[in-house]
Amino acid sequence: MQKKGFKFMWLMVTAMIVCFLTAGAISGKETKDDMCIPMGDIELKAPDSVESIRPSVRFPHSSHFDYSCKQCHHTWDGSEQVQGCMTSGCHDLDQAPKKVKGAKSDDDIQYYKNAYHAQCIGCHKNIKAKNKEIELSVSVMKPKLMKTGPTGCIQCHEE
């Protein structure tokens, strides 16, 4: 029964996306109310003001649709267009803040690299920990393990 509910939910989500995209195409022009949801990969790269040491990251946006949008887009109000992470006032620092021994600064998470790494790697590590917990549990009925993503530099920053 649970599989039918899951399939029904995905069918409804897909139908809503198709209706949403079709409505915009029929109108012939975008309005303020139209929402654009990237379906493929998104290139995550350093700001133009930074000389990048590693290559950009290919982020498979559509494979993250199982999660709430607000998990990543934490300041999104649900009605306006989603702003980029490096929008002014969010994660727009292009230089790492000076480290103060034994203290964390609010600027730490405003530095774009810290924000991406904390969000992406942090989530992937949490999934790995939950999977490990499930594997080690003595429960007879173990749920399916979640897919996780990379946690190492070269896994994301492919040459």
N, C-alpha and C. Protein backbone atom coordinates (compact mmCIF):
# COMPACT_ATOMS: atom_id res chain seq x y z
N MET A 1 0.83 -1.19 0.00
CA MET A 1 0.00 0.00 0.00
C MET A 1 0.87 1.26 0.00
N GLN A 2 1.99 1.19 0.70
CA GLN A 2 2.86 2.34 0.80
C GLN A 2 3.46 2.69 -0.57
N LYS A 3 3.76 1.66 -1.40
CA LYS A 3 4.31 1.91 -2.72
C LYS A 3 3.30 2.62 -3.60
N LYS A 4 2.00 2.26 -3.49
CA LYS A 4 0.97 2.92 -4.28
C LYS A 4 0.89 4.39 -3.90
N GLY A 5 0.96 4.68 -2.61
CA GLY A 5 0.91 6.06 -2.14
C GLY A 5 2.10 6.86 -2.66
N PHE A 6 3.27 6.23 -2.66
CA PHE A 6 4.47 6.90 -3.14
C PHE A 6 4.36 7.18 -4.63
N LYS A 7 3.88 6.18 -5.40
CA LYS A 7 3.71 6.36 -6.85
C LYS A 7 2.69 7.45 -7.13
N PHE A 8 1.60 7.45 -6.37
CA PHE A 8 0.56 8.47 -6.55
C PHE A 8 1.12 9.86 -6.27
N MET A 9 1.92 9.97 -5.21
CA MET A 9 2.51 11.26 -4.87
C MET A 9 3.40 11.75 -6.02
N TRP A 10 4.25 10.88 -6.56
CA TRP A 10 5.14 11.27 -7.65
C TRP A 10 4.34 11.62 -8.90
N LEU A 11 3.26 10.89 -9.16
CA LEU A 11 2.41 11.20 -10.30
C LEU A 11 1.80 12.59 -10.14
N MET A 12 1.36 12.92 -8.93
CA MET A 12 0.76 14.23 -8.68
C MET A 12 1.81 15.34 -8.80
N VAL A 13 2.98 15.12 -8.26
CA VAL A 13 4.05 16.12 -8.35
C VAL A 13 4.42 16.35 -9.81
N THR A 14 4.56 15.27 -10.57
CA THR A 14 4.90 15.39 -11.99
C THR A 14 3.80 16.14 -12.74
N ALA A 15 2.55 15.80 -12.44
CA ALA A 15 1.43 16.48 -13.10
C ALA A 15 1.42 17.97 -12.77
N MET A 16 1.72 18.29 -11.52
CA MET A 16 1.74 19.70 -11.12
C MET A 16 2.85 20.45 -11.85
N ILE A 17 4.01 19.83 -11.98
CA ILE A 17 5.13 20.46 -12.67
C ILE A 17 4.79 20.67 -14.14
N VAL A 18 4.19 19.65 -14.78
CA VAL A 18 3.81 19.76 -16.19
C VAL A 18 2.78 20.88 -16.36
N CYS A 19 1.79 20.93 -15.49
CA CYS A 19 0.77 21.99 -15.56
C CYS A 19 1.41 23.36 -15.39
N PHE A 20 2.30 23.43 -14.44
CA PHE A 20 2.97 24.70 -14.16
C PHE A 20 3.78 25.16 -15.36
N LEU A 21 4.55 24.26 -15.94
CA LEU A 21 5.38 24.61 -17.08
C LEU A 21 4.53 24.90 -18.32
N THR A 22 3.46 24.15 -18.49
CA THR A 22 2.57 24.36 -19.63
C THR A 22 1.87 25.71 -19.54
N ALA A 23 1.45 26.08 -18.35
CA ALA A 23 0.77 27.37 -18.16
C ALA A 23 1.68 28.51 -18.59
N GLY A 24 2.95 28.44 -18.26
CA GLY A 24 3.90 29.48 -18.66
C GLY A 24 4.12 29.50 -20.17
N ALA A 25 4.17 28.31 -20.78
CA ALA A 25 4.37 28.23 -22.22
C ALA A 25 3.16 28.75 -22.98
N ILE A 26 1.96 28.47 -22.48
CA ILE A 26 0.74 28.90 -23.14
C ILE A 26 0.62 30.42 -23.09
N SER A 27 0.97 31.00 -21.97
CA SER A 27 0.84 32.46 -21.83
C SER A 27 1.79 33.19 -22.77
N GLY A 28 2.88 32.54 -23.16
CA GLY A 28 3.82 33.12 -24.11
C GLY A 28 4.84 34.06 -23.49
N LYS A 29 4.65 34.43 -22.25
CA LYS A 29 5.62 35.31 -21.61
C LYS A 29 5.67 34.99 -20.12
N GLU A 30 6.83 35.23 -19.55
CA GLU A 30 6.99 34.99 -18.13
C GLU A 30 6.47 36.18 -17.35
N THR A 31 5.88 35.86 -16.23
CA THR A 31 5.43 36.92 -15.34
C THR A 31 6.20 36.78 -14.03
N LYS A 32 5.97 37.72 -13.15
CA LYS A 32 6.62 37.69 -11.84
C LYS A 32 6.25 36.42 -11.08
N ASP A 33 5.05 35.89 -11.36
CA ASP A 33 4.56 34.73 -10.62
C ASP A 33 5.11 33.40 -11.13
N ASP A 34 5.73 33.38 -12.32
CA ASP A 34 6.27 32.13 -12.85
C ASP A 34 7.49 31.70 -12.05
N MET A 35 7.57 30.42 -11.77
CA MET A 35 8.69 29.88 -11.01
C MET A 35 9.50 28.98 -11.95
N CYS A 36 10.78 29.19 -12.00
CA CYS A 36 11.66 28.38 -12.83
C CYS A 36 12.41 27.39 -11.94
N ILE A 37 12.23 26.09 -12.23
CA ILE A 37 12.90 25.06 -11.44
C ILE A 37 13.88 24.33 -12.35
N PRO A 38 15.18 24.51 -12.14
CA PRO A 38 16.17 23.82 -12.97
C PRO A 38 16.02 22.30 -12.84
N MET A 39 15.92 21.62 -13.97
CA MET A 39 15.66 20.18 -13.96
C MET A 39 16.94 19.35 -14.07
N GLY A 40 17.96 19.84 -14.65
CA GLY A 40 19.16 19.05 -14.85
C GLY A 40 20.24 19.35 -13.82
N ASP A 41 21.45 19.45 -14.31
CA ASP A 41 22.59 19.76 -13.45
C ASP A 41 22.78 21.27 -13.37
N ILE A 42 23.26 21.71 -12.23
CA ILE A 42 23.60 23.11 -12.02
C ILE A 42 25.11 23.17 -11.77
N GLU A 43 25.77 24.11 -12.41
CA GLU A 43 27.21 24.27 -12.19
C GLU A 43 27.41 25.20 -11.00
N LEU A 44 28.04 24.68 -9.97
CA LEU A 44 28.39 25.49 -8.80
C LEU A 44 29.85 25.89 -8.95
N LYS A 45 30.09 27.19 -8.98
CA LYS A 45 31.45 27.66 -9.17
C LYS A 45 31.73 28.85 -8.29
N ALA A 46 33.00 29.11 -8.14
CA ALA A 46 33.44 30.26 -7.34
C ALA A 46 33.01 31.55 -8.01
N PRO A 47 32.81 32.59 -7.23
CA PRO A 47 32.48 33.89 -7.83
C PRO A 47 33.59 34.35 -8.78
N ASP A 48 33.23 35.22 -9.70
CA ASP A 48 34.20 35.72 -10.68
C ASP A 48 35.38 36.41 -10.02
N SER A 49 35.19 36.94 -8.83
CA SER A 49 36.25 37.67 -8.14
C SER A 49 37.29 36.75 -7.48
N VAL A 50 37.06 35.44 -7.57
CA VAL A 50 37.95 34.46 -6.93
C VAL A 50 38.68 33.64 -7.99
N GLU A 51 39.99 33.50 -7.81
CA GLU A 51 40.75 32.62 -8.68
C GLU A 51 40.64 31.21 -8.10
N SER A 52 39.87 30.39 -8.77
CA SER A 52 39.54 29.07 -8.26
C SER A 52 40.70 28.09 -8.41
N ILE A 53 40.95 27.33 -7.36
CA ILE A 53 42.00 26.32 -7.37
C ILE A 53 41.46 25.02 -7.96
N ARG A 54 40.22 24.70 -7.61
CA ARG A 54 39.58 23.46 -8.07
C ARG A 54 38.52 23.78 -9.12
N PRO A 55 38.21 22.79 -9.98
CA PRO A 55 37.16 23.01 -10.98
C PRO A 55 35.78 23.14 -10.33
N SER A 56 34.84 23.66 -11.10
CA SER A 56 33.48 23.82 -10.60
C SER A 56 32.87 22.45 -10.29
N VAL A 57 31.72 22.47 -9.61
CA VAL A 57 31.04 21.25 -9.19
C VAL A 57 29.77 21.09 -10.00
N ARG A 58 29.54 19.88 -10.51
CA ARG A 58 28.30 19.57 -11.21
C ARG A 58 27.31 19.08 -10.16
N PHE A 59 26.28 19.88 -9.90
CA PHE A 59 25.28 19.55 -8.88
C PHE A 59 24.03 19.01 -9.55
N PRO A 60 23.69 17.74 -9.31
CA PRO A 60 22.50 17.14 -9.94
C PRO A 60 21.22 17.58 -9.19
N HIS A 61 20.71 18.74 -9.55
CA HIS A 61 19.57 19.35 -8.86
C HIS A 61 18.36 18.41 -8.83
N SER A 62 18.03 17.81 -9.96
CA SER A 62 16.82 17.00 -10.02
C SER A 62 16.90 15.73 -9.17
N SER A 63 18.08 15.27 -8.85
CA SER A 63 18.17 14.08 -7.98
C SER A 63 17.99 14.44 -6.51
N HIS A 64 17.81 15.72 -6.22
CA HIS A 64 17.58 16.17 -4.85
C HIS A 64 16.12 16.59 -4.62
N PHE A 65 15.23 16.25 -5.56
CA PHE A 65 13.83 16.66 -5.45
C PHE A 65 13.07 15.92 -4.35
N ASP A 66 13.66 14.90 -3.75
CA ASP A 66 13.02 14.21 -2.62
C ASP A 66 13.04 15.07 -1.36
N TYR A 67 13.86 16.08 -1.36
CA TYR A 67 14.03 16.93 -0.18
C TYR A 67 13.18 18.19 -0.32
N SER A 68 12.86 18.78 0.78
CA SER A 68 12.14 20.06 0.79
C SER A 68 13.06 21.13 0.21
N CYS A 69 12.51 22.00 -0.61
CA CYS A 69 13.30 23.09 -1.20
C CYS A 69 13.98 23.92 -0.11
N LYS A 70 13.28 24.10 1.00
CA LYS A 70 13.79 24.96 2.07
C LYS A 70 14.97 24.35 2.82
N GLN A 71 15.25 23.06 2.60
CA GLN A 71 16.44 22.49 3.23
C GLN A 71 17.70 23.17 2.71
N CYS A 72 17.71 23.51 1.44
CA CYS A 72 18.86 24.21 0.86
C CYS A 72 18.59 25.70 0.74
N HIS A 73 17.41 26.03 0.25
CA HIS A 73 17.04 27.43 0.03
C HIS A 73 16.34 27.93 1.29
N HIS A 74 17.10 28.02 2.36
CA HIS A 74 16.56 28.24 3.70
C HIS A 74 15.92 29.60 3.92
N THR A 75 16.19 30.58 3.06
CA THR A 75 15.56 31.90 3.24
C THR A 75 14.40 32.11 2.26
N TRP A 76 14.10 31.12 1.46
CA TRP A 76 13.05 31.23 0.45
C TRP A 76 11.69 31.30 1.12
N ASP A 77 10.86 32.24 0.67
CA ASP A 77 9.53 32.42 1.27
C ASP A 77 8.45 31.56 0.62
N GLY A 78 8.78 30.85 -0.45
CA GLY A 78 7.83 29.97 -1.11
C GLY A 78 7.04 30.62 -2.22
N SER A 79 7.16 31.93 -2.37
CA SER A 79 6.38 32.59 -3.41
C SER A 79 7.26 33.35 -4.42
N GLU A 80 8.31 33.95 -3.97
CA GLU A 80 9.21 34.69 -4.86
C GLU A 80 10.18 33.72 -5.53
N GLN A 81 10.85 34.20 -6.58
CA GLN A 81 11.87 33.39 -7.22
C GLN A 81 12.99 33.08 -6.22
N VAL A 82 13.54 31.90 -6.32
CA VAL A 82 14.66 31.52 -5.47
C VAL A 82 15.88 32.33 -5.90
N GLN A 83 16.55 32.91 -4.93
CA GLN A 83 17.76 33.68 -5.21
C GLN A 83 18.98 32.77 -5.11
N GLY A 84 20.01 33.10 -5.83
CA GLY A 84 21.24 32.33 -5.77
C GLY A 84 21.88 32.44 -4.40
N CYS A 85 22.67 31.44 -4.05
CA CYS A 85 23.32 31.40 -2.75
C CYS A 85 24.24 32.59 -2.51
N MET A 86 24.82 33.09 -3.58
CA MET A 86 25.78 34.18 -3.43
C MET A 86 25.13 35.55 -3.62
N THR A 87 23.80 35.60 -3.45
CA THR A 87 23.09 36.87 -3.50
C THR A 87 23.55 37.73 -2.33
N SER A 88 23.55 39.01 -2.53
CA SER A 88 24.00 39.94 -1.50
C SER A 88 23.30 39.69 -0.17
N GLY A 89 24.10 39.54 0.88
CA GLY A 89 23.57 39.34 2.22
C GLY A 89 23.38 37.89 2.61
N CYS A 90 23.59 36.98 1.69
CA CYS A 90 23.41 35.56 2.02
C CYS A 90 24.79 34.90 2.21
N HIS A 91 25.30 34.30 1.17
CA HIS A 91 26.62 33.65 1.23
C HIS A 91 27.52 34.34 0.21
N ASP A 92 27.66 35.64 0.37
CA ASP A 92 28.31 36.46 -0.65
C ASP A 92 29.75 36.86 -0.35
N LEU A 93 30.31 36.39 0.75
CA LEU A 93 31.72 36.70 1.01
C LEU A 93 32.59 35.86 0.09
N ASP A 94 33.52 36.50 -0.59
CA ASP A 94 34.38 35.76 -1.51
C ASP A 94 35.77 35.50 -0.94
N GLN A 95 35.97 35.88 0.33
CA GLN A 95 37.21 35.56 1.03
C GLN A 95 36.88 34.98 2.40
N ALA A 96 37.65 33.99 2.79
CA ALA A 96 37.42 33.37 4.10
C ALA A 96 37.67 34.39 5.20
N PRO A 97 36.78 34.44 6.19
CA PRO A 97 37.00 35.38 7.30
C PRO A 97 38.22 34.97 8.11
N LYS A 98 38.83 35.93 8.74
CA LYS A 98 39.99 35.66 9.59
C LYS A 98 39.56 34.75 10.74
N LYS A 99 40.35 33.75 11.00
CA LYS A 99 40.05 32.81 12.08
C LYS A 99 40.46 33.41 13.42
N VAL A 100 39.55 33.30 14.37
CA VAL A 100 39.82 33.73 15.73
C VAL A 100 39.85 32.47 16.57
N LYS A 101 40.94 32.23 17.22
CA LYS A 101 41.13 30.99 17.96
C LYS A 101 39.99 30.77 18.97
N GLY A 102 39.35 29.60 18.86
CA GLY A 102 38.30 29.23 19.81
C GLY A 102 36.96 29.90 19.61
N ALA A 103 36.78 30.65 18.52
CA ALA A 103 35.51 31.35 18.31
C ALA A 103 35.05 31.17 16.87
N LYS A 104 33.73 31.08 16.71
CA LYS A 104 33.15 31.04 15.37
C LYS A 104 32.52 32.39 15.10
N SER A 105 32.68 32.84 13.89
CA SER A 105 32.15 34.13 13.48
C SER A 105 30.90 33.92 12.64
N ASP A 106 29.98 34.88 12.66
CA ASP A 106 28.81 34.83 11.78
C ASP A 106 29.24 34.87 10.33
N ASP A 107 30.41 35.44 10.07
CA ASP A 107 30.92 35.53 8.71
C ASP A 107 31.32 34.16 8.16
N ASP A 108 31.57 33.19 9.03
CA ASP A 108 31.99 31.86 8.58
C ASP A 108 31.02 31.29 7.55
N ILE A 109 29.73 31.36 7.83
CA ILE A 109 28.74 30.75 6.94
C ILE A 109 28.40 31.69 5.78
N GLN A 110 28.75 32.96 5.89
CA GLN A 110 28.52 33.88 4.77
C GLN A 110 29.57 33.68 3.67
N TYR A 111 30.68 33.07 4.03
CA TYR A 111 31.71 32.75 3.02
C TYR A 111 31.16 31.63 2.16
N TYR A 112 31.05 31.87 0.86
CA TYR A 112 30.36 30.96 -0.05
C TYR A 112 30.86 29.51 0.06
N LYS A 113 32.16 29.34 0.19
CA LYS A 113 32.72 27.98 0.23
C LYS A 113 32.30 27.25 1.51
N ASN A 114 32.31 27.93 2.63
CA ASN A 114 31.87 27.31 3.89
C ASN A 114 30.40 26.92 3.82
N ALA A 115 29.59 27.77 3.20
CA ALA A 115 28.16 27.48 3.10
C ALA A 115 27.91 26.24 2.26
N TYR A 116 28.51 26.16 1.08
CA TYR A 116 28.34 24.99 0.22
C TYR A 116 28.84 23.72 0.91
N HIS A 117 30.02 23.80 1.46
CA HIS A 117 30.60 22.62 2.09
C HIS A 117 29.78 22.16 3.29
N ALA A 118 29.34 23.09 4.12
CA ALA A 118 28.54 22.71 5.29
C ALA A 118 27.22 22.09 4.85
N GLN A 119 26.58 22.69 3.86
CA GLN A 119 25.27 22.20 3.41
C GLN A 119 25.40 20.85 2.71
N CYS A 120 26.23 20.79 1.70
CA CYS A 120 26.33 19.58 0.87
C CYS A 120 27.00 18.42 1.60
N ILE A 121 28.21 18.65 2.03
CA ILE A 121 28.97 17.59 2.70
C ILE A 121 28.29 17.22 4.02
N GLY A 122 27.79 18.21 4.74
CA GLY A 122 27.10 17.94 6.00
C GLY A 122 25.91 17.02 5.81
N CYS A 123 25.10 17.29 4.79
CA CYS A 123 23.93 16.44 4.51
C CYS A 123 24.37 15.03 4.11
N HIS A 124 25.35 14.93 3.24
CA HIS A 124 25.82 13.61 2.81
C HIS A 124 26.38 12.80 3.98
N LYS A 125 27.10 13.46 4.88
CA LYS A 125 27.63 12.76 6.07
C LYS A 125 26.50 12.32 6.99
N ASN A 126 25.46 13.13 7.13
CA ASN A 126 24.31 12.74 7.95
C ASN A 126 23.61 11.51 7.38
N ILE A 127 23.46 11.47 6.07
CA ILE A 127 22.83 10.31 5.42
C ILE A 127 23.69 9.06 5.64
N LYS A 128 25.01 9.21 5.48
CA LYS A 128 25.91 8.07 5.71
C LYS A 128 25.79 7.56 7.14
N ALA A 129 25.71 8.47 8.10
CA ALA A 129 25.59 8.08 9.51
C ALA A 129 24.27 7.35 9.77
N LYS A 130 23.19 7.85 9.18
CA LYS A 130 21.88 7.18 9.34
C LYS A 130 21.90 5.80 8.70
N ASN A 131 22.52 5.69 7.53
CA ASN A 131 22.63 4.38 6.87
C ASN A 131 23.42 3.40 7.73
N LYS A 132 24.50 3.89 8.32
CA LYS A 132 25.34 3.04 9.19
C LYS A 132 24.53 2.56 10.39
N GLU A 133 23.74 3.47 10.95
CA GLU A 133 22.89 3.14 12.10
C GLU A 133 21.88 2.05 11.72
N ILE A 134 21.31 2.17 10.53
CA ILE A 134 20.34 1.16 10.05
C ILE A 134 21.04 -0.18 9.84
N GLU A 135 22.23 -0.15 9.24
CA GLU A 135 22.98 -1.38 8.99
C GLU A 135 23.33 -2.10 10.28
N LEU A 136 23.64 -1.34 11.32
CA LEU A 136 24.06 -1.93 12.59
C LEU A 136 22.88 -2.28 13.51
N SER A 137 21.70 -1.85 13.13
CA SER A 137 20.54 -2.11 13.99
C SER A 137 20.20 -3.59 13.99
N VAL A 138 19.53 -4.02 15.04
CA VAL A 138 19.15 -5.43 15.16
C VAL A 138 17.71 -5.64 14.70
N SER A 139 17.12 -4.61 14.15
CA SER A 139 15.74 -4.70 13.67
C SER A 139 15.64 -5.72 12.54
N VAL A 140 14.57 -6.49 12.57
CA VAL A 140 14.34 -7.50 11.53
C VAL A 140 13.97 -6.83 10.22
N MET A 141 13.13 -5.81 10.29
CA MET A 141 12.68 -5.12 9.08
C MET A 141 13.46 -3.82 8.94
N LYS A 142 14.52 -3.88 8.16
CA LYS A 142 15.35 -2.70 7.97
C LYS A 142 14.85 -1.93 6.74
N PRO A 143 14.71 -0.61 6.89
CA PRO A 143 14.28 0.18 5.73
C PRO A 143 15.40 0.25 4.69
N LYS A 144 14.99 0.59 3.47
CA LYS A 144 15.95 0.73 2.39
C LYS A 144 16.91 1.88 2.71
N LEU A 145 18.19 1.68 2.46
CA LEU A 145 19.19 2.70 2.71
C LEU A 145 19.06 3.82 1.69
N MET A 146 19.26 5.04 2.14
CA MET A 146 19.19 6.20 1.25
C MET A 146 20.49 6.31 0.46
N LYS A 147 20.37 6.80 -0.76
CA LYS A 147 21.57 7.09 -1.53
C LYS A 147 22.21 8.32 -0.92
N THR A 148 23.52 8.31 -0.92
CA THR A 148 24.23 9.47 -0.40
C THR A 148 25.13 10.03 -1.48
N GLY A 149 25.64 11.19 -1.22
CA GLY A 149 26.51 11.84 -2.19
C GLY A 149 27.94 11.87 -1.71
N PRO A 150 28.79 12.50 -2.48
CA PRO A 150 30.22 12.54 -2.16
C PRO A 150 30.53 13.40 -0.94
N THR A 151 31.63 13.05 -0.30
CA THR A 151 32.10 13.83 0.85
C THR A 151 33.57 14.22 0.71
N GLY A 152 34.18 13.85 -0.37
CA GLY A 152 35.59 14.18 -0.59
C GLY A 152 35.78 15.18 -1.71
N CYS A 153 36.90 15.86 -1.70
CA CYS A 153 37.19 16.93 -2.67
C CYS A 153 37.09 16.46 -4.12
N ILE A 154 37.84 15.42 -4.46
CA ILE A 154 37.91 15.01 -5.87
C ILE A 154 36.63 14.33 -6.35
N GLN A 155 35.78 13.92 -5.42
CA GLN A 155 34.50 13.34 -5.83
C GLN A 155 33.57 14.42 -6.39
N CYS A 156 33.66 15.62 -5.87
CA CYS A 156 32.83 16.74 -6.34
C CYS A 156 33.54 17.56 -7.41
N HIS A 157 34.79 17.89 -7.15
CA HIS A 157 35.56 18.72 -8.06
C HIS A 157 36.31 17.83 -9.04
N GLU A 158 35.58 17.25 -9.98
CA GLU A 158 36.18 16.33 -10.94
C GLU A 158 36.99 17.11 -11.95
N GLU A 159 38.10 16.56 -12.33
CA GLU A 159 38.97 17.22 -13.32
C GLU A 159 38.44 17.03 -14.71
